[in-house]
Amino acid sequence: MRARRGRSKPDRSHRYELISCAFGGHVLAGTDVRVIDPGDGLIVREFNELRWYRCLRCDSWIPRPPPEAPTRDALPARDDIEVPLRGRGLRDRYVLRLIAVERAVHVVVLGGLAAAVFLFIGHRTTLRHDYVSIINGLFGSSGGPDARKGLLGDFRHLFIISPSHLYDIGFLLVAYATLEAVEMVGLWFAKRWAEYLTFVATTLFVPLEVYELLSSFGTLKLVTFIVNMAVVIYLLLGKRLFGLRGGHAADLARRRADGGWAAIERRPPGGPVVAPGSAP
């Protein structure tokens, strides 16, 4: 069998597979096999004292020399070879992990705010004294309307709130951060329950975000609203929650169609290539 000449041209439509292999390496089978059978040509072939392995994720052909100390006589059965996630299932994994990263940012921000609230409660008396000193130095003992504006005005509101209410705010921030952390972990590992939890939790805050946008428009509020709506729509339609578009069964069927040995057989394997001028 002659190797085709030219450069390898992996399917660029499989960008998620290419990204995964770029960062995690190719997934090859039979690298420890003593003898390659012609029937293994779907994923392993031999040319000119080189073995070419088809990546089970991105379908690229990777050249390697035969193993010096093989541990197997023949390629394992297909049931013993784990095919990595590929196709739309891999794309969904990337999207879910992107949402998980966004939730991680929420956890850091909310956790920081909660810590600040509890630190403020613990040093309330000292901070009040410092605040009064700053106001007196800037605006005099009467303070005046300017003392109620900007950052100093925000601090003034904190001193007006009772400690019990501040504790309520702190614990509410902790609870919200915990919820976001649970979503983050579940989405990172592609758990179905996390998709439902994220959908419900995000949807509940949409009316509040709409109210905030209508009452006082802000770029950050708009961006947050758009991101959350995109998450809701993707989970509802893309992940087929609540039985939509065939539900979980249809989602699993789609993953099976895009992954496993059926997908590898369905895609044309092409063949290894050699650089121009190499011996065929």
C-alpha atoms as a PDB file:
ATOM      1  CA  MET A   1       0.000   0.000   0.000  1.00  0.00           C
ATOM      2  CA  ARG A   2       1.361   3.422  -0.984  1.00  0.00           C
ATOM      3  CA  ALA A   3       1.121   6.449   1.226  1.00  0.00           C
ATOM      4  CA  ARG A   4      -0.434   9.573  -0.252  1.00  0.00           C
ATOM      5  CA  ARG A   5       1.880  12.525  -0.688  1.00  0.00           C
ATOM      6  CA  GLY A   6       1.216  15.985   0.638  1.00  0.00           C
ATOM      7  CA  ARG A   7       0.350  17.594   3.927  1.00  0.00           C
ATOM      8  CA  SER A   8      -2.139  16.216   6.432  1.00  0.00           C
ATOM      9  CA  LYS A   9      -5.437  18.085   6.286  1.00  0.00           C
ATOM     10  CA  PRO A  10      -7.513  17.268   9.344  1.00  0.00           C
ATOM     11  CA  ASP A  11     -11.168  18.198   9.226  1.00  0.00           C
ATOM     12  CA  ARG A  12     -11.316  21.782  10.489  1.00  0.00           C
ATOM     13  CA  SER A  13     -15.013  21.383  11.248  1.00  0.00           C
ATOM     14  CA  HIS A  14     -13.861  19.300  14.215  1.00  0.00           C
ATOM     15  CA  ARG A  15     -12.420  22.354  15.935  1.00  0.00           C
ATOM     16  CA  TYR A  16     -13.316  21.154  19.431  1.00  0.00           C
ATOM     17  CA  GLU A  17     -11.534  17.856  18.801  1.00  0.00           C
ATOM     18  CA  LEU A  18      -8.508  19.719  17.471  1.00  0.00           C
ATOM     19  CA  ILE A  19      -8.462  22.013  20.507  1.00  0.00           C
ATOM     20  CA  SER A  20      -8.710  19.035  22.877  1.00  0.00           C
ATOM     21  CA  CYS A  21      -5.872  17.217  21.150  1.00  0.00           C
ATOM     22  CA  ALA A  22      -3.754  20.379  21.069  1.00  0.00           C
ATOM     23  CA  PHE A  23      -3.950  20.715  24.843  1.00  0.00           C
ATOM     24  CA  GLY A  24      -4.430  17.117  25.957  1.00  0.00           C
ATOM     25  CA  GLY A  25      -2.622  15.170  23.251  1.00  0.00           C
ATOM     26  CA  HIS A  26      -3.894  12.703  20.674  1.00  0.00           C
ATOM     27  CA  VAL A  27      -5.733   9.546  21.709  1.00  0.00           C
ATOM     28  CA  LEU A  28      -4.038   6.603  20.029  1.00  0.00           C
ATOM     29  CA  ALA A  29      -4.729   2.875  20.246  1.00  0.00           C
ATOM     30  CA  GLY A  30      -2.254   0.041  19.666  1.00  0.00           C
ATOM     31  CA  THR A  31       0.969   1.888  20.476  1.00  0.00           C
ATOM     32  CA  ASP A  32       2.092  -1.106  22.558  1.00  0.00           C
ATOM     33  CA  VAL A  33       1.141  -3.807  20.029  1.00  0.00           C
ATOM     34  CA  ARG A  34       3.708  -6.200  18.538  1.00  0.00           C
ATOM     35  CA  VAL A  35       1.968  -6.991  15.239  1.00  0.00           C
ATOM     36  CA  ILE A  36      -0.475  -4.873  13.259  1.00  0.00           C
ATOM     37  CA  ASP A  37      -3.065  -6.844  11.307  1.00  0.00           C
ATOM     38  CA  PRO A  38      -4.432  -5.521   7.975  1.00  0.00           C
ATOM     39  CA  GLY A  39      -7.857  -5.595   9.584  1.00  0.00           C
ATOM     40  CA  ASP A  40      -6.688  -2.889  11.995  1.00  0.00           C
ATOM     41  CA  GLY A  41      -6.347  -0.413   9.135  1.00  0.00           C
ATOM     42  CA  LEU A  42      -9.244   1.691  10.393  1.00  0.00           C
ATOM     43  CA  ILE A  43      -7.060   3.075  13.202  1.00  0.00           C
ATOM     44  CA  VAL A  44      -3.503   1.701  12.744  1.00  0.00           C
ATOM     45  CA  ARG A  45      -1.445   1.185   9.578  1.00  0.00           C
ATOM     46  CA  GLU A  46       2.189   0.494   8.711  1.00  0.00           C
ATOM     47  CA  PHE A  47       4.224   2.292   6.038  1.00  0.00           C
ATOM     48  CA  ASN A  48       7.975   2.214   5.478  1.00  0.00           C
ATOM     49  CA  GLU A  49       8.911   0.968   8.927  1.00  0.00           C
ATOM     50  CA  LEU A  50       6.632   3.522  10.547  1.00  0.00           C
ATOM     51  CA  ARG A  51       3.292   3.007  12.194  1.00  0.00           C
ATOM     52  CA  TRP A  52       0.549   5.522  11.618  1.00  0.00           C
ATOM     53  CA  TYR A  53      -2.093   5.832  14.305  1.00  0.00           C
ATOM     54  CA  ARG A  54      -5.440   7.460  13.714  1.00  0.00           C
ATOM     55  CA  CYS A  55      -6.393   9.712  16.601  1.00  0.00           C
ATOM     56  CA  LEU A  56      -9.684   8.458  17.996  1.00  0.00           C
ATOM     57  CA  ARG A  57     -10.739  12.024  18.736  1.00  0.00           C
ATOM     58  CA  CYS A  58      -9.671  14.308  15.848  1.00  0.00           C
ATOM     59  CA  ASP A  59      -9.050  11.659  13.107  1.00  0.00           C
ATOM     60  CA  SER A  60      -5.502  12.904  12.382  1.00  0.00           C
ATOM     61  CA  TRP A  61      -2.881  10.292  11.466  1.00  0.00           C
ATOM     62  CA  ILE A  62       0.171  10.371  13.744  1.00  0.00           C
ATOM     63  CA  PRO A  63       3.474   8.626  12.767  1.00  0.00           C
ATOM     64  CA  ARG A  64       5.456   6.729  15.377  1.00  0.00           C
ATOM     65  CA  PRO A  65       8.101   4.004  15.249  1.00  0.00           C
ATOM     66  CA  PRO A  66       7.050   0.497  16.301  1.00  0.00           C
ATOM     67  CA  PRO A  67       7.359  -0.092  20.048  1.00  0.00           C
ATOM     68  CA  GLU A  68      10.719  -1.422  21.211  1.00  0.00           C
ATOM     69  CA  ALA A  69       9.148  -3.442  24.030  1.00  0.00           C
ATOM     70  CA  PRO A  70       5.554  -4.250  23.032  1.00  0.00           C
ATOM     71  CA  THR A  71       3.279  -5.486  25.800  1.00  0.00           C
ATOM     72  CA  ARG A  72       0.530  -6.896  23.567  1.00  0.00           C
ATOM     73  CA  ASP A  73       0.591  -9.253  20.644  1.00  0.00           C
ATOM     74  CA  ALA A  74      -2.413  -7.761  18.885  1.00  0.00           C
ATOM     75  CA  LEU A  75      -4.740  -4.788  19.006  1.00  0.00           C
ATOM     76  CA  PRO A  76      -7.337  -5.076  21.820  1.00  0.00           C
ATOM     77  CA  ALA A  77     -10.969  -5.715  21.015  1.00  0.00           C
ATOM     78  CA  ARG A  78     -13.048  -2.637  20.366  1.00  0.00           C
ATOM     79  CA  ASP A  79     -14.934  -3.067  23.616  1.00  0.00           C
ATOM     80  CA  ASP A  80     -11.607  -2.729  25.431  1.00  0.00           C
ATOM     81  CA  ILE A  81     -10.661   0.517  23.661  1.00  0.00           C
ATOM     82  CA  GLU A  82     -12.213   3.646  25.132  1.00  0.00           C
ATOM     83  CA  VAL A  83     -13.252   6.138  22.473  1.00  0.00           C
ATOM     84  CA  PRO A  84     -12.975   9.731  23.785  1.00  0.00           C
ATOM     85  CA  LEU A  85     -15.781  12.248  23.670  1.00  0.00           C
ATOM     86  CA  ARG A  86     -16.168  13.799  20.238  1.00  0.00           C
ATOM     87  CA  GLY A  87     -18.714  15.525  18.037  1.00  0.00           C
ATOM     88  CA  ARG A  88     -21.555  17.516  19.542  1.00  0.00           C
ATOM     89  CA  GLY A  89     -21.033  15.817  22.883  1.00  0.00           C
ATOM     90  CA  LEU A  90     -17.554  17.334  23.067  1.00  0.00           C
ATOM     91  CA  ARG A  91     -18.920  20.714  21.995  1.00  0.00           C
ATOM     92  CA  ASP A  92     -21.497  20.569  24.793  1.00  0.00           C
ATOM     93  CA  ARG A  93     -18.732  19.743  27.267  1.00  0.00           C
ATOM     94  CA  TYR A  94     -16.873  22.895  26.246  1.00  0.00           C
ATOM     95  CA  VAL A  95     -19.997  25.056  26.558  1.00  0.00           C
ATOM     96  CA  LEU A  96     -20.896  23.624  29.968  1.00  0.00           C
ATOM     97  CA  ARG A  97     -17.367  24.206  31.240  1.00  0.00           C
ATOM     98  CA  LEU A  98     -17.450  27.760  29.939  1.00  0.00           C
ATOM     99  CA  ILE A  99     -20.621  28.316  31.989  1.00  0.00           C
ATOM    100  CA  ALA A 100     -18.877  26.655  34.945  1.00  0.00           C
ATOM    101  CA  VAL A 101     -16.005  29.162  34.653  1.00  0.00           C
ATOM    102  CA  GLU A 102     -18.532  32.005  34.633  1.00  0.00           C
ATOM    103  CA  ARG A 103     -20.084  30.547  37.792  1.00  0.00           C
ATOM    104  CA  ALA A 104     -16.616  30.336  39.347  1.00  0.00           C
ATOM    105  CA  VAL A 105     -16.240  34.106  38.856  1.00  0.00           C
ATOM    106  CA  HIS A 106     -19.555  34.548  40.683  1.00  0.00           C
ATOM    107  CA  VAL A 107     -18.313  32.380  43.549  1.00  0.00           C
ATOM    108  CA  VAL A 108     -15.157  34.477  43.949  1.00  0.00           C
ATOM    109  CA  VAL A 109     -17.059  37.790  43.841  1.00  0.00           C
ATOM    110  CA  LEU A 110     -19.860  36.689  46.165  1.00  0.00           C
ATOM    111  CA  GLY A 111     -17.440  35.030  48.560  1.00  0.00           C
ATOM    112  CA  GLY A 112     -15.361  38.202  48.673  1.00  0.00           C
ATOM    113  CA  LEU A 113     -18.424  40.346  49.357  1.00  0.00           C
ATOM    114  CA  ALA A 114     -19.558  38.005  52.126  1.00  0.00           C
ATOM    115  CA  ALA A 115     -16.122  38.123  53.753  1.00  0.00           C
ATOM    116  CA  ALA A 116     -16.122  41.935  53.510  1.00  0.00           C
ATOM    117  CA  VAL A 117     -19.549  42.150  55.176  1.00  0.00           C
ATOM    118  CA  PHE A 118     -18.506  39.949  58.104  1.00  0.00           C
ATOM    119  CA  LEU A 119     -15.230  41.855  58.509  1.00  0.00           C
ATOM    120  CA  PHE A 120     -17.174  45.100  58.486  1.00  0.00           C
ATOM    121  CA  ILE A 121     -19.475  43.815  61.248  1.00  0.00           C
ATOM    122  CA  GLY A 122     -16.501  42.800  63.378  1.00  0.00           C
ATOM    123  CA  HIS A 123     -14.835  46.213  63.041  1.00  0.00           C
ATOM    124  CA  ARG A 124     -17.975  48.326  62.830  1.00  0.00           C
ATOM    125  CA  THR A 125     -17.159  50.592  65.798  1.00  0.00           C
ATOM    126  CA  THR A 126     -13.611  51.346  64.633  1.00  0.00           C
ATOM    127  CA  LEU A 127     -14.725  51.947  61.070  1.00  0.00           C
ATOM    128  CA  ARG A 128     -17.514  54.266  62.221  1.00  0.00           C
ATOM    129  CA  HIS A 129     -14.988  56.341  64.158  1.00  0.00           C
ATOM    130  CA  ASP A 130     -12.696  56.536  61.115  1.00  0.00           C
ATOM    131  CA  TYR A 131     -15.648  57.418  58.879  1.00  0.00           C
ATOM    132  CA  VAL A 132     -16.747  60.277  61.149  1.00  0.00           C
ATOM    133  CA  SER A 133     -13.184  61.587  61.282  1.00  0.00           C
ATOM    134  CA  ILE A 134     -12.939  61.593  57.481  1.00  0.00           C
ATOM    135  CA  ILE A 135     -16.298  63.353  57.087  1.00  0.00           C
ATOM    136  CA  ASN A 136     -15.411  65.985  59.672  1.00  0.00           C
ATOM    137  CA  GLY A 137     -12.083  66.590  57.991  1.00  0.00           C
ATOM    138  CA  LEU A 138     -13.620  66.944  54.516  1.00  0.00           C
ATOM    139  CA  PHE A 139     -16.968  68.604  55.144  1.00  0.00           C
ATOM    140  CA  GLY A 140     -16.953  69.782  58.742  1.00  0.00           C
ATOM    141  CA  SER A 141     -18.959  68.482  61.686  1.00  0.00           C
ATOM    142  CA  SER A 142     -22.280  69.010  59.897  1.00  0.00           C
ATOM    143  CA  GLY A 143     -21.275  66.782  57.008  1.00  0.00           C
ATOM    144  CA  GLY A 144     -23.540  68.307  54.407  1.00  0.00           C
ATOM    145  CA  PRO A 145     -25.156  66.818  51.293  1.00  0.00           C
ATOM    146  CA  ASP A 146     -21.806  66.084  49.668  1.00  0.00           C
ATOM    147  CA  ALA A 147     -21.043  63.555  52.405  1.00  0.00           C
ATOM    148  CA  ARG A 148     -23.983  61.482  51.194  1.00  0.00           C
ATOM    149  CA  LYS A 149     -22.685  61.051  47.665  1.00  0.00           C
ATOM    150  CA  GLY A 150     -20.319  58.571  46.071  1.00  0.00           C
ATOM    151  CA  LEU A 151     -18.274  56.006  48.009  1.00  0.00           C
ATOM    152  CA  LEU A 152     -18.576  57.887  51.313  1.00  0.00           C
ATOM    153  CA  GLY A 153     -22.329  57.892  50.924  1.00  0.00           C
ATOM    154  CA  ASP A 154     -22.298  54.132  50.369  1.00  0.00           C
ATOM    155  CA  PHE A 155     -20.326  53.675  53.591  1.00  0.00           C
ATOM    156  CA  ARG A 156     -22.847  55.859  55.390  1.00  0.00           C
ATOM    157  CA  HIS A 157     -25.652  53.472  54.349  1.00  0.00           C
ATOM    158  CA  LEU A 158     -23.699  50.565  55.807  1.00  0.00           C
ATOM    159  CA  PHE A 159     -23.560  52.266  59.200  1.00  0.00           C
ATOM    160  CA  ILE A 160     -27.294  52.934  59.094  1.00  0.00           C
ATOM    161  CA  ILE A 161     -28.104  49.245  58.531  1.00  0.00           C
ATOM    162  CA  SER A 162     -28.461  47.319  61.779  1.00  0.00           C
ATOM    163  CA  PRO A 163     -25.914  44.550  62.549  1.00  0.00           C
ATOM    164  CA  SER A 164     -28.662  41.915  62.415  1.00  0.00           C
ATOM    165  CA  HIS A 165     -29.533  42.955  58.855  1.00  0.00           C
ATOM    166  CA  LEU A 166     -25.862  42.944  57.904  1.00  0.00           C
ATOM    167  CA  TYR A 167     -25.617  39.375  59.176  1.00  0.00           C
ATOM    168  CA  ASP A 168     -28.633  38.487  57.039  1.00  0.00           C
ATOM    169  CA  ILE A 169     -26.924  40.017  54.000  1.00  0.00           C
ATOM    170  CA  GLY A 170     -23.685  38.154  54.747  1.00  0.00           C
ATOM    171  CA  PHE A 171     -25.386  34.782  55.134  1.00  0.00           C
ATOM    172  CA  LEU A 172     -27.458  35.420  51.996  1.00  0.00           C
ATOM    173  CA  LEU A 173     -24.243  36.068  50.042  1.00  0.00           C
ATOM    174  CA  VAL A 174     -22.734  32.864  51.454  1.00  0.00           C
ATOM    175  CA  ALA A 175     -25.825  30.870  50.448  1.00  0.00           C
ATOM    176  CA  TYR A 176     -25.785  32.354  46.947  1.00  0.00           C
ATOM    177  CA  ALA A 177     -22.057  31.653  46.563  1.00  0.00           C
ATOM    178  CA  THR A 178     -22.636  28.062  47.720  1.00  0.00           C
ATOM    179  CA  LEU A 179     -25.396  27.615  45.143  1.00  0.00           C
ATOM    180  CA  GLU A 180     -23.119  28.939  42.406  1.00  0.00           C
ATOM    181  CA  ALA A 181     -20.315  26.633  43.575  1.00  0.00           C
ATOM    182  CA  VAL A 182     -22.605  23.601  43.361  1.00  0.00           C
ATOM    183  CA  GLU A 183     -23.636  24.625  39.846  1.00  0.00           C
ATOM    184  CA  MET A 184     -19.986  25.147  38.896  1.00  0.00           C
ATOM    185  CA  VAL A 185     -18.873  21.675  40.003  1.00  0.00           C
ATOM    186  CA  GLY A 186     -21.891  19.926  38.477  1.00  0.00           C
ATOM    187  CA  LEU A 187     -21.543  21.693  35.120  1.00  0.00           C
ATOM    188  CA  TRP A 188     -17.797  21.031  34.971  1.00  0.00           C
ATOM    189  CA  PHE A 189     -18.489  17.302  35.210  1.00  0.00           C
ATOM    190  CA  ALA A 190     -21.511  17.547  32.861  1.00  0.00           C
ATOM    191  CA  LYS A 191     -24.089  16.342  35.390  1.00  0.00           C
ATOM    192  CA  ARG A 192     -27.678  16.445  34.209  1.00  0.00           C
ATOM    193  CA  TRP A 193     -28.981  17.644  37.589  1.00  0.00           C
ATOM    194  CA  ALA A 194     -26.604  20.622  37.382  1.00  0.00           C
ATOM    195  CA  GLU A 195     -28.154  21.657  34.069  1.00  0.00           C
ATOM    196  CA  TYR A 196     -31.607  21.748  35.678  1.00  0.00           C
ATOM    197  CA  LEU A 197     -30.303  23.508  38.792  1.00  0.00           C
ATOM    198  CA  THR A 198     -28.506  26.152  36.730  1.00  0.00           C
ATOM    199  CA  PHE A 199     -31.553  26.706  34.526  1.00  0.00           C
ATOM    200  CA  VAL A 200     -33.926  27.173  37.473  1.00  0.00           C
ATOM    201  CA  ALA A 201     -31.529  29.331  39.505  1.00  0.00           C
ATOM    202  CA  THR A 202     -30.703  31.570  36.532  1.00  0.00           C
ATOM    203  CA  THR A 203     -34.321  31.908  35.413  1.00  0.00           C
ATOM    204  CA  LEU A 204     -35.441  33.015  38.892  1.00  0.00           C
ATOM    205  CA  PHE A 205     -33.144  36.041  38.731  1.00  0.00           C
ATOM    206  CA  VAL A 206     -34.170  37.138  35.220  1.00  0.00           C
ATOM    207  CA  PRO A 207     -37.199  39.228  36.402  1.00  0.00           C
ATOM    208  CA  LEU A 208     -34.960  41.008  38.934  1.00  0.00           C
ATOM    209  CA  GLU A 209     -32.389  41.734  36.230  1.00  0.00           C
ATOM    210  CA  VAL A 210     -35.100  43.140  33.953  1.00  0.00           C
ATOM    211  CA  TYR A 211     -36.325  45.374  36.773  1.00  0.00           C
ATOM    212  CA  GLU A 212     -32.791  46.609  37.442  1.00  0.00           C
ATOM    213  CA  LEU A 213     -32.276  47.386  33.753  1.00  0.00           C
ATOM    214  CA  LEU A 214     -35.531  49.345  33.554  1.00  0.00           C
ATOM    215  CA  SER A 215     -34.941  51.250  36.795  1.00  0.00           C
ATOM    216  CA  SER A 216     -31.295  52.199  36.153  1.00  0.00           C
ATOM    217  CA  PHE A 217     -29.646  51.135  32.910  1.00  0.00           C
ATOM    218  CA  GLY A 218     -26.009  50.057  33.018  1.00  0.00           C
ATOM    219  CA  THR A 219     -23.648  48.338  30.585  1.00  0.00           C
ATOM    220  CA  LEU A 220     -22.612  45.704  33.124  1.00  0.00           C
ATOM    221  CA  LYS A 221     -26.259  44.970  33.939  1.00  0.00           C
ATOM    222  CA  LEU A 222     -27.037  44.577  30.234  1.00  0.00           C
ATOM    223  CA  VAL A 223     -24.077  42.245  29.658  1.00  0.00           C
ATOM    224  CA  THR A 224     -25.058  40.147  32.699  1.00  0.00           C
ATOM    225  CA  PHE A 225     -28.643  39.905  31.447  1.00  0.00           C
ATOM    226  CA  ILE A 226     -27.550  38.853  27.939  1.00  0.00           C
ATOM    227  CA  VAL A 227     -25.161  36.203  29.301  1.00  0.00           C
ATOM    228  CA  ASN A 228     -27.806  34.756  31.626  1.00  0.00           C
ATOM    229  CA  MET A 229     -30.433  34.681  28.859  1.00  0.00           C
ATOM    230  CA  ALA A 230     -27.955  32.888  26.573  1.00  0.00           C
ATOM    231  CA  VAL A 231     -27.339  30.309  29.326  1.00  0.00           C
ATOM    232  CA  VAL A 232     -31.083  29.800  29.838  1.00  0.00           C
ATOM    233  CA  ILE A 233     -31.789  29.366  26.108  1.00  0.00           C
ATOM    234  CA  TYR A 234     -28.853  27.014  25.593  1.00  0.00           C
ATOM    235  CA  LEU A 235     -29.802  24.790  28.522  1.00  0.00           C
ATOM    236  CA  LEU A 236     -33.466  24.737  27.608  1.00  0.00           C
ATOM    237  CA  LEU A 237     -33.093  24.049  23.890  1.00  0.00           C
ATOM    238  CA  GLY A 238     -29.536  22.823  23.395  1.00  0.00           C
ATOM    239  CA  LYS A 239     -29.638  20.415  26.344  1.00  0.00           C
ATOM    240  CA  ARG A 240     -33.337  19.580  25.785  1.00  0.00           C
ATOM    241  CA  LEU A 241     -34.497  20.142  29.350  1.00  0.00           C
ATOM    242  CA  PHE A 242     -38.039  19.279  30.481  1.00  0.00           C
ATOM    243  CA  GLY A 243     -38.545  16.954  27.511  1.00  0.00           C
ATOM    244  CA  LEU A 244     -38.134  19.613  24.833  1.00  0.00           C
ATOM    245  CA  ARG A 245     -36.908  18.429  21.420  1.00  0.00           C
ATOM    246  CA  GLY A 246     -37.117  14.805  22.525  1.00  0.00           C
ATOM    247  CA  GLY A 247     -35.655  15.358  25.982  1.00  0.00           C
ATOM    248  CA  HIS A 248     -32.759  13.493  27.540  1.00  0.00           C
ATOM    249  CA  ALA A 249     -33.329  10.388  25.391  1.00  0.00           C
ATOM    250  CA  ALA A 250     -32.823  12.412  22.210  1.00  0.00           C
ATOM    251  CA  ASP A 251     -29.730  14.036  23.697  1.00  0.00           C
ATOM    252  CA  LEU A 252     -28.218  10.636  24.491  1.00  0.00           C
ATOM    253  CA  ALA A 253     -29.083   9.352  21.014  1.00  0.00           C
ATOM    254  CA  ARG A 254     -27.336  12.354  19.478  1.00  0.00           C
ATOM    255  CA  ARG A 255     -24.232  11.692  21.557  1.00  0.00           C
ATOM    256  CA  ARG A 256     -24.174   8.039  20.538  1.00  0.00           C
ATOM    257  CA  ALA A 257     -24.482   9.031  16.886  1.00  0.00           C
ATOM    258  CA  ASP A 258     -21.593  11.484  17.156  1.00  0.00           C
ATOM    259  CA  GLY A 259     -19.355   9.310  19.312  1.00  0.00           C
ATOM    260  CA  GLY A 260     -18.088   5.777  19.715  1.00  0.00           C
ATOM    261  CA  TRP A 261     -16.999   3.373  17.030  1.00  0.00           C
ATOM    262  CA  ALA A 262     -20.024   4.117  14.863  1.00  0.00           C
ATOM    263  CA  ALA A 263     -18.811   7.695  14.369  1.00  0.00           C
ATOM    264  CA  ILE A 264     -15.250   6.539  13.643  1.00  0.00           C
ATOM    265  CA  GLU A 265     -16.483   4.078  11.014  1.00  0.00           C
ATOM    266  CA  ARG A 266     -18.848   6.618   9.499  1.00  0.00           C
ATOM    267  CA  ARG A 267     -16.162   9.231   8.905  1.00  0.00           C
ATOM    268  CA  PRO A 268     -13.786   8.455   6.011  1.00  0.00           C
ATOM    269  CA  PRO A 269     -10.481   7.471   7.632  1.00  0.00           C
ATOM    270  CA  GLY A 270      -8.384   8.895   4.834  1.00  0.00           C
ATOM    271  CA  GLY A 271      -4.820   7.727   5.253  1.00  0.00           C
ATOM    272  CA  PRO A 272      -1.364   8.662   6.437  1.00  0.00           C
ATOM    273  CA  VAL A 273       0.631  11.092   4.378  1.00  0.00           C
ATOM    274  CA  VAL A 274       4.350  11.570   3.758  1.00  0.00           C
ATOM    275  CA  ALA A 275       6.271  14.708   2.890  1.00  0.00           C
ATOM    276  CA  PRO A 276       7.141  15.318  -0.763  1.00  0.00           C
ATOM    277  CA  GLY A 277      10.371  13.603  -1.729  1.00  0.00           C
ATOM    278  CA  SER A 278      10.046  10.806   0.827  1.00  0.00           C
ATOM    279  CA  ALA A 279      10.296   7.261  -0.372  1.00  0.00           C
ATOM    280  CA  PRO A 280       6.849   5.681  -0.933  1.00  0.00           C
END
